[in-house]
Amino acid sequence: MIQAVIIAVVVLSLVLCWRNCHRDAGMTRFEALRTRMKIILLVLAVCGLCSKAVVHTYRHFNPPPPPIIGP
């Protein structure tokens, strides 16, 4: 399920990049690249936050076993 969400977010970011690339004919290449990079960085930030939340929740409900202390 998590992989499907990540794939969906990546596809959405690519679609947004493609739409922004073709939307404004007056944009220079540099402006289009900046817009594309902003979208990609935003998507990566959201993915990073979500993955941290998933890992934290997993570790909260499945803590590691206590260490075994020798005899």
PDB file of N, CA and C in Angstrom:
ATOM      1  N   MET A   1       0.827  -1.190   0.000  1.00  0.00           N
ATOM      2  CA  MET A   1       0.000   0.000   0.000  1.00  0.00           C
ATOM      3  C   MET A   1       0.871   1.254   0.000  1.00  0.00           C
ATOM      4  N   ILE A   2       1.908   1.273   0.838  1.00  0.00           N
ATOM      5  CA  ILE A   2       2.772   2.447   0.925  1.00  0.00           C
ATOM      6  C   ILE A   2       3.498   2.652  -0.401  1.00  0.00           C
ATOM      7  N   GLN A   3       3.926   1.560  -1.014  1.00  0.00           N
ATOM      8  CA  GLN A   3       4.614   1.679  -2.299  1.00  0.00           C
ATOM      9  C   GLN A   3       3.693   2.252  -3.360  1.00  0.00           C
ATOM     10  N   ALA A   4       2.421   1.876  -3.323  1.00  0.00           N
ATOM     11  CA  ALA A   4       1.467   2.390  -4.289  1.00  0.00           C
ATOM     12  C   ALA A   4       1.280   3.897  -4.106  1.00  0.00           C
ATOM     13  N   VAL A   5       1.246   4.349  -2.869  1.00  0.00           N
ATOM     14  CA  VAL A   5       1.097   5.781  -2.602  1.00  0.00           C
ATOM     15  C   VAL A   5       2.320   6.537  -3.102  1.00  0.00           C
ATOM     16  N   ILE A   6       3.501   6.007  -2.852  1.00  0.00           N
ATOM     17  CA  ILE A   6       4.726   6.666  -3.313  1.00  0.00           C
ATOM     18  C   ILE A   6       4.757   6.732  -4.837  1.00  0.00           C
ATOM     19  N   ILE A   7       4.384   5.648  -5.486  1.00  0.00           N
ATOM     20  CA  ILE A   7       4.349   5.642  -6.947  1.00  0.00           C
ATOM     21  C   ILE A   7       3.334   6.653  -7.458  1.00  0.00           C
ATOM     22  N   ALA A   8       2.179   6.737  -6.811  1.00  0.00           N
ATOM     23  CA  ALA A   8       1.157   7.692  -7.229  1.00  0.00           C
ATOM     24  C   ALA A   8       1.660   9.128  -7.076  1.00  0.00           C
ATOM     25  N   VAL A   9       2.361   9.422  -5.995  1.00  0.00           N
ATOM     26  CA  VAL A   9       2.881  10.775  -5.779  1.00  0.00           C
ATOM     27  C   VAL A   9       3.936  11.111  -6.820  1.00  0.00           C
ATOM     28  N   VAL A  10       4.797  10.158  -7.147  1.00  0.00           N
ATOM     29  CA  VAL A  10       5.825  10.397  -8.165  1.00  0.00           C
ATOM     30  C   VAL A  10       5.175  10.647  -9.520  1.00  0.00           C
ATOM     31  N   VAL A  11       4.189   9.843  -9.874  1.00  0.00           N
ATOM     32  CA  VAL A  11       3.493  10.034 -11.153  1.00  0.00           C
ATOM     33  C   VAL A  11       2.794  11.393 -11.171  1.00  0.00           C
ATOM     34  N   LEU A  12       2.178  11.765 -10.067  1.00  0.00           N
ATOM     35  CA  LEU A  12       1.512  13.065  -9.990  1.00  0.00           C
ATOM     36  C   LEU A  12       2.509  14.208 -10.168  1.00  0.00           C
ATOM     37  N   SER A  13       3.678  14.090  -9.556  1.00  0.00           N
ATOM     38  CA  SER A  13       4.683  15.145  -9.708  1.00  0.00           C
ATOM     39  C   SER A  13       5.155  15.248 -11.153  1.00  0.00           C
ATOM     40  N   LEU A  14       5.326  14.102 -11.803  1.00  0.00           N
ATOM     41  CA  LEU A  14       5.727  14.132 -13.203  1.00  0.00           C
ATOM     42  C   LEU A  14       4.658  14.764 -14.087  1.00  0.00           C
ATOM     43  N   VAL A  15       3.400  14.480 -13.790  1.00  0.00           N
ATOM     44  CA  VAL A  15       2.303  15.085 -14.551  1.00  0.00           C
ATOM     45  C   VAL A  15       2.276  16.593 -14.336  1.00  0.00           C
ATOM     46  N   LEU A  16       2.453  17.029 -13.093  1.00  0.00           N
ATOM     47  CA  LEU A  16       2.480  18.464 -12.819  1.00  0.00           C
ATOM     48  C   LEU A  16       3.652  19.136 -13.523  1.00  0.00           C
ATOM     49  N   CYS A  17       4.797  18.492 -13.530  1.00  0.00           N
ATOM     50  CA  CYS A  17       5.950  19.043 -14.245  1.00  0.00           C
ATOM     51  C   CYS A  17       5.654  19.167 -15.730  1.00  0.00           C
ATOM     52  N   TRP A  18       5.041  18.143 -16.302  1.00  0.00           N
ATOM     53  CA  TRP A  18       4.739  18.159 -17.731  1.00  0.00           C
ATOM     54  C   TRP A  18       3.727  19.252 -18.055  1.00  0.00           C
ATOM     55  N   ARG A  19       2.690  19.397 -17.211  1.00  0.00           N
ATOM     56  CA  ARG A  19       1.679  20.434 -17.450  1.00  0.00           C
ATOM     57  C   ARG A  19       2.281  21.830 -17.345  1.00  0.00           C
ATOM     58  N   ASN A  20       3.120  22.046 -16.337  1.00  0.00           N
ATOM     59  CA  ASN A  20       3.731  23.357 -16.177  1.00  0.00           C
ATOM     60  C   ASN A  20       4.696  23.664 -17.310  1.00  0.00           C
ATOM     61  N   CYS A  21       5.314  22.651 -17.839  1.00  0.00           N
ATOM     62  CA  CYS A  21       6.247  22.835 -18.948  1.00  0.00           C
ATOM     63  C   CYS A  21       5.511  23.340 -20.189  1.00  0.00           C
ATOM     64  N   HIS A  22       4.305  22.855 -20.422  1.00  0.00           N
ATOM     65  CA  HIS A  22       3.560  23.215 -21.626  1.00  0.00           C
ATOM     66  C   HIS A  22       2.559  24.343 -21.404  1.00  0.00           C
ATOM     67  N   ARG A  23       2.379  24.769 -20.191  1.00  0.00           N
ATOM     68  CA  ARG A  23       1.338  25.754 -19.901  1.00  0.00           C
ATOM     69  C   ARG A  23       1.742  27.160 -20.323  1.00  0.00           C
ATOM     70  N   ASP A  24       2.940  27.600 -19.976  1.00  0.00           N
ATOM     71  CA  ASP A  24       3.326  28.982 -20.190  1.00  0.00           C
ATOM     72  C   ASP A  24       4.359  29.062 -21.306  1.00  0.00           C
ATOM     73  N   ALA A  25       3.914  29.572 -22.465  1.00  0.00           N
ATOM     74  CA  ALA A  25       4.809  29.648 -23.614  1.00  0.00           C
ATOM     75  C   ALA A  25       5.865  30.737 -23.418  1.00  0.00           C
ATOM     76  N   GLY A  26       5.620  31.698 -22.526  1.00  0.00           N
ATOM     77  CA  GLY A  26       6.558  32.778 -22.310  1.00  0.00           C
ATOM     78  C   GLY A  26       7.673  32.450 -21.332  1.00  0.00           C
ATOM     79  N   MET A  27       7.664  31.258 -20.775  1.00  0.00           N
ATOM     80  CA  MET A  27       8.690  30.867 -19.812  1.00  0.00           C
ATOM     81  C   MET A  27       9.997  30.546 -20.515  1.00  0.00           C
ATOM     82  N   THR A  28      11.086  30.928 -19.882  1.00  0.00           N
ATOM     83  CA  THR A  28      12.386  30.519 -20.400  1.00  0.00           C
ATOM     84  C   THR A  28      12.680  29.102 -19.922  1.00  0.00           C
ATOM     85  N   ARG A  29      13.729  28.525 -20.469  1.00  0.00           N
ATOM     86  CA  ARG A  29      14.091  27.169 -20.049  1.00  0.00           C
ATOM     87  C   ARG A  29      14.470  27.133 -18.577  1.00  0.00           C
ATOM     88  N   PHE A  30      15.169  28.172 -18.143  1.00  0.00           N
ATOM     89  CA  PHE A  30      15.608  28.221 -16.750  1.00  0.00           C
ATOM     90  C   PHE A  30      14.415  28.305 -15.803  1.00  0.00           C
ATOM     91  N   GLU A  31      13.429  29.127 -16.136  1.00  0.00           N
ATOM     92  CA  GLU A  31      12.233  29.237 -15.287  1.00  0.00           C
ATOM     93  C   GLU A  31      11.471  27.923 -15.257  1.00  0.00           C
ATOM     94  N   ALA A  32      11.371  27.265 -16.392  1.00  0.00           N
ATOM     95  CA  ALA A  32      10.683  25.969 -16.441  1.00  0.00           C
ATOM     96  C   ALA A  32      11.428  24.936 -15.593  1.00  0.00           C
ATOM     97  N   LEU A  33      12.759  24.962 -15.664  1.00  0.00           N
ATOM     98  CA  LEU A  33      13.557  24.040 -14.865  1.00  0.00           C
ATOM     99  C   LEU A  33      13.376  24.322 -13.375  1.00  0.00           C
ATOM    100  N   ARG A  34      13.361  25.595 -12.995  1.00  0.00           N
ATOM    101  CA  ARG A  34      13.148  25.945 -11.582  1.00  0.00           C
ATOM    102  C   ARG A  34      11.787  25.473 -11.094  1.00  0.00           C
ATOM    103  N   THR A  35      10.768  25.665 -11.906  1.00  0.00           N
ATOM    104  CA  THR A  35       9.421  25.211 -11.518  1.00  0.00           C
ATOM    105  C   THR A  35       9.402  23.700 -11.357  1.00  0.00           C
ATOM    106  N   ARG A  36      10.019  23.002 -12.302  1.00  0.00           N
ATOM    107  CA  ARG A  36      10.076  21.551 -12.242  1.00  0.00           C
ATOM    108  C   ARG A  36      10.807  21.080 -10.991  1.00  0.00           C
ATOM    109  N   MET A  37      11.929  21.708 -10.688  1.00  0.00           N
ATOM    110  CA  MET A  37      12.713  21.318  -9.519  1.00  0.00           C
ATOM    111  C   MET A  37      11.950  21.595  -8.219  1.00  0.00           C
ATOM    112  N   LYS A  38      11.213  22.698  -8.164  1.00  0.00           N
ATOM    113  CA  LYS A  38      10.418  22.999  -6.971  1.00  0.00           C
ATOM    114  C   LYS A  38       9.370  21.919  -6.739  1.00  0.00           C
ATOM    115  N   ILE A  39       8.708  21.494  -7.801  1.00  0.00           N
ATOM    116  CA  ILE A  39       7.679  20.457  -7.670  1.00  0.00           C
ATOM    117  C   ILE A  39       8.307  19.150  -7.207  1.00  0.00           C
ATOM    118  N   ILE A  40       9.428  18.779  -7.817  1.00  0.00           N
ATOM    119  CA  ILE A  40      10.079  17.518  -7.456  1.00  0.00           C
ATOM    120  C   ILE A  40      10.561  17.562  -6.007  1.00  0.00           C
ATOM    121  N   LEU A  41      11.157  18.680  -5.579  1.00  0.00           N
ATOM    122  CA  LEU A  41      11.615  18.790  -4.190  1.00  0.00           C
ATOM    123  C   LEU A  41      10.451  18.757  -3.206  1.00  0.00           C
ATOM    124  N   LEU A  42       9.340  19.385  -3.566  1.00  0.00           N
ATOM    125  CA  LEU A  42       8.158  19.337  -2.705  1.00  0.00           C
ATOM    126  C   LEU A  42       7.664  17.905  -2.553  1.00  0.00           C
ATOM    127  N   VAL A  43       7.609  17.173  -3.640  1.00  0.00           N
ATOM    128  CA  VAL A  43       7.154  15.780  -3.591  1.00  0.00           C
ATOM    129  C   VAL A  43       8.113  14.939  -2.762  1.00  0.00           C
ATOM    130  N   LEU A  44       9.413  15.141  -2.937  1.00  0.00           N
ATOM    131  CA  LEU A  44      10.383  14.381  -2.149  1.00  0.00           C
ATOM    132  C   LEU A  44      10.276  14.707  -0.663  1.00  0.00           C
ATOM    133  N   ALA A  45      10.007  15.977  -0.336  1.00  0.00           N
ATOM    134  CA  ALA A  45       9.848  16.352   1.072  1.00  0.00           C
ATOM    135  C   ALA A  45       8.627  15.671   1.678  1.00  0.00           C
ATOM    136  N   VAL A  46       7.528  15.655   0.939  1.00  0.00           N
ATOM    137  CA  VAL A  46       6.310  15.002   1.437  1.00  0.00           C
ATOM    138  C   VAL A  46       6.547  13.509   1.596  1.00  0.00           C
ATOM    139  N   CYS A  47       7.211  12.895   0.625  1.00  0.00           N
ATOM    140  CA  CYS A  47       7.506  11.459   0.725  1.00  0.00           C
ATOM    141  C   CYS A  47       8.405  11.172   1.920  1.00  0.00           C
ATOM    142  N   GLY A  48       9.377  12.051   2.147  1.00  0.00           N
ATOM    143  CA  GLY A  48      10.272  11.868   3.289  1.00  0.00           C
ATOM    144  C   GLY A  48       9.533  11.940   4.606  1.00  0.00           C
ATOM    145  N   LEU A  49       8.636  12.915   4.737  1.00  0.00           N
ATOM    146  CA  LEU A  49       7.865  13.042   5.974  1.00  0.00           C
ATOM    147  C   LEU A  49       6.961  11.834   6.188  1.00  0.00           C
ATOM    148  N   CYS A  50       6.319  11.384   5.109  1.00  0.00           N
ATOM    149  CA  CYS A  50       5.416  10.236   5.230  1.00  0.00           C
ATOM    150  C   CYS A  50       6.194   8.972   5.601  1.00  0.00           C
ATOM    151  N   SER A  51       7.348   8.774   4.996  1.00  0.00           N
ATOM    152  CA  SER A  51       8.099   7.566   5.305  1.00  0.00           C
ATOM    153  C   SER A  51       8.604   7.595   6.743  1.00  0.00           C
ATOM    154  N   LYS A  52       8.983   8.776   7.248  1.00  0.00           N
ATOM    155  CA  LYS A  52       9.398   8.871   8.647  1.00  0.00           C
ATOM    156  C   LYS A  52       8.238   8.552   9.572  1.00  0.00           C
ATOM    157  N   ALA A  53       7.056   9.029   9.226  1.00  0.00           N
ATOM    158  CA  ALA A  53       5.884   8.755  10.053  1.00  0.00           C
ATOM    159  C   ALA A  53       5.562   7.262  10.064  1.00  0.00           C
ATOM    160  N   VAL A  54       5.687   6.617   8.918  1.00  0.00           N
ATOM    161  CA  VAL A  54       5.406   5.185   8.832  1.00  0.00           C
ATOM    162  C   VAL A  54       6.407   4.399   9.675  1.00  0.00           C
ATOM    163  N   VAL A  55       7.690   4.742   9.563  1.00  0.00           N
ATOM    164  CA  VAL A  55       8.714   4.038  10.331  1.00  0.00           C
ATOM    165  C   VAL A  55       8.503   4.267  11.826  1.00  0.00           C
ATOM    166  N   HIS A  56       8.192   5.493  12.217  1.00  0.00           N
ATOM    167  CA  HIS A  56       7.960   5.787  13.637  1.00  0.00           C
ATOM    168  C   HIS A  56       6.770   5.000  14.171  1.00  0.00           C
ATOM    169  N   THR A  57       5.690   4.949  13.409  1.00  0.00           N
ATOM    170  CA  THR A  57       4.502   4.209  13.843  1.00  0.00           C
ATOM    171  C   THR A  57       4.809   2.719  13.948  1.00  0.00           C
ATOM    172  N   TYR A  58       5.552   2.187  12.976  1.00  0.00           N
ATOM    173  CA  TYR A  58       5.901   0.764  13.010  1.00  0.00           C
ATOM    174  C   TYR A  58       6.748   0.459  14.247  1.00  0.00           C
ATOM    175  N   ARG A  59       7.730   1.295  14.510  1.00  0.00           N
ATOM    176  CA  ARG A  59       8.595   1.059  15.669  1.00  0.00           C
ATOM    177  C   ARG A  59       7.851   1.244  16.985  1.00  0.00           C
ATOM    178  N   HIS A  60       6.840   2.118  16.977  1.00  0.00           N
ATOM    179  CA  HIS A  60       6.061   2.335  18.199  1.00  0.00           C
ATOM    180  C   HIS A  60       5.267   1.075  18.562  1.00  0.00           C
ATOM    181  N   PHE A  61       4.647   0.462  17.564  1.00  0.00           N
ATOM    182  CA  PHE A  61       3.813  -0.708  17.833  1.00  0.00           C
ATOM    183  C   PHE A  61       4.592  -2.020  17.799  1.00  0.00           C
ATOM    184  N   ASN A  62       5.807  -2.026  17.271  1.00  0.00           N
ATOM    185  CA  ASN A  62       6.651  -3.220  17.224  1.00  0.00           C
ATOM    186  C   ASN A  62       8.044  -2.874  17.768  1.00  0.00           C
ATOM    187  N   PRO A  63       8.155  -2.672  19.056  1.00  0.00           N
ATOM    188  CA  PRO A  63       9.470  -2.309  19.607  1.00  0.00           C
ATOM    189  C   PRO A  63      10.444  -3.465  19.490  1.00  0.00           C
ATOM    190  N   PRO A  64      11.743  -3.164  19.430  1.00  0.00           N
ATOM    191  CA  PRO A  64      12.723  -4.251  19.347  1.00  0.00           C
ATOM    192  C   PRO A  64      12.736  -5.043  20.658  1.00  0.00           C
ATOM    193  N   PRO A  65      13.133  -6.300  20.610  1.00  0.00           N
ATOM    194  CA  PRO A  65      13.184  -7.097  21.837  1.00  0.00           C
ATOM    195  C   PRO A  65      14.238  -6.531  22.785  1.00  0.00           C
ATOM    196  N   PRO A  66      14.029  -6.697  24.100  1.00  0.00           N
ATOM    197  CA  PRO A  66      15.025  -6.189  25.046  1.00  0.00           C
ATOM    198  C   PRO A  66      16.344  -6.941  24.904  1.00  0.00           C
ATOM    199  N   PRO A  67      17.448  -6.272  25.168  1.00  0.00           N
ATOM    200  CA  PRO A  67      18.735  -6.963  25.027  1.00  0.00           C
ATOM    201  C   PRO A  67      18.890  -8.050  26.096  1.00  0.00           C
ATOM    202  N   ILE A  68      19.534  -9.122  25.721  1.00  0.00           N
ATOM    203  CA  ILE A  68      19.767 -10.227  26.644  1.00  0.00           C
ATOM    204  C   ILE A  68      21.083  -9.957  27.378  1.00  0.00           C
ATOM    205  N   ILE A  69      21.005  -9.912  28.677  1.00  0.00           N
ATOM    206  CA  ILE A  69      22.197  -9.672  29.477  1.00  0.00           C
ATOM    207  C   ILE A  69      22.736 -11.025  29.922  1.00  0.00           C
ATOM    208  N   GLY A  70      24.035 -11.168  29.790  1.00  0.00           N
ATOM    209  CA  GLY A  70      24.674 -12.458  30.092  1.00  0.00           C
ATOM    210  C   GLY A  70      24.500 -12.925  31.517  1.00  0.00           C
ATOM    211  N   PRO A  71      24.924 -14.170  31.808  1.00  0.00           N
ATOM    212  CA  PRO A  71      24.701 -14.766  33.142  1.00  0.00           C
ATOM    213  C   PRO A  71      25.478 -14.121  34.248  1.00  0.00           C
TER     214      PRO A  71
END
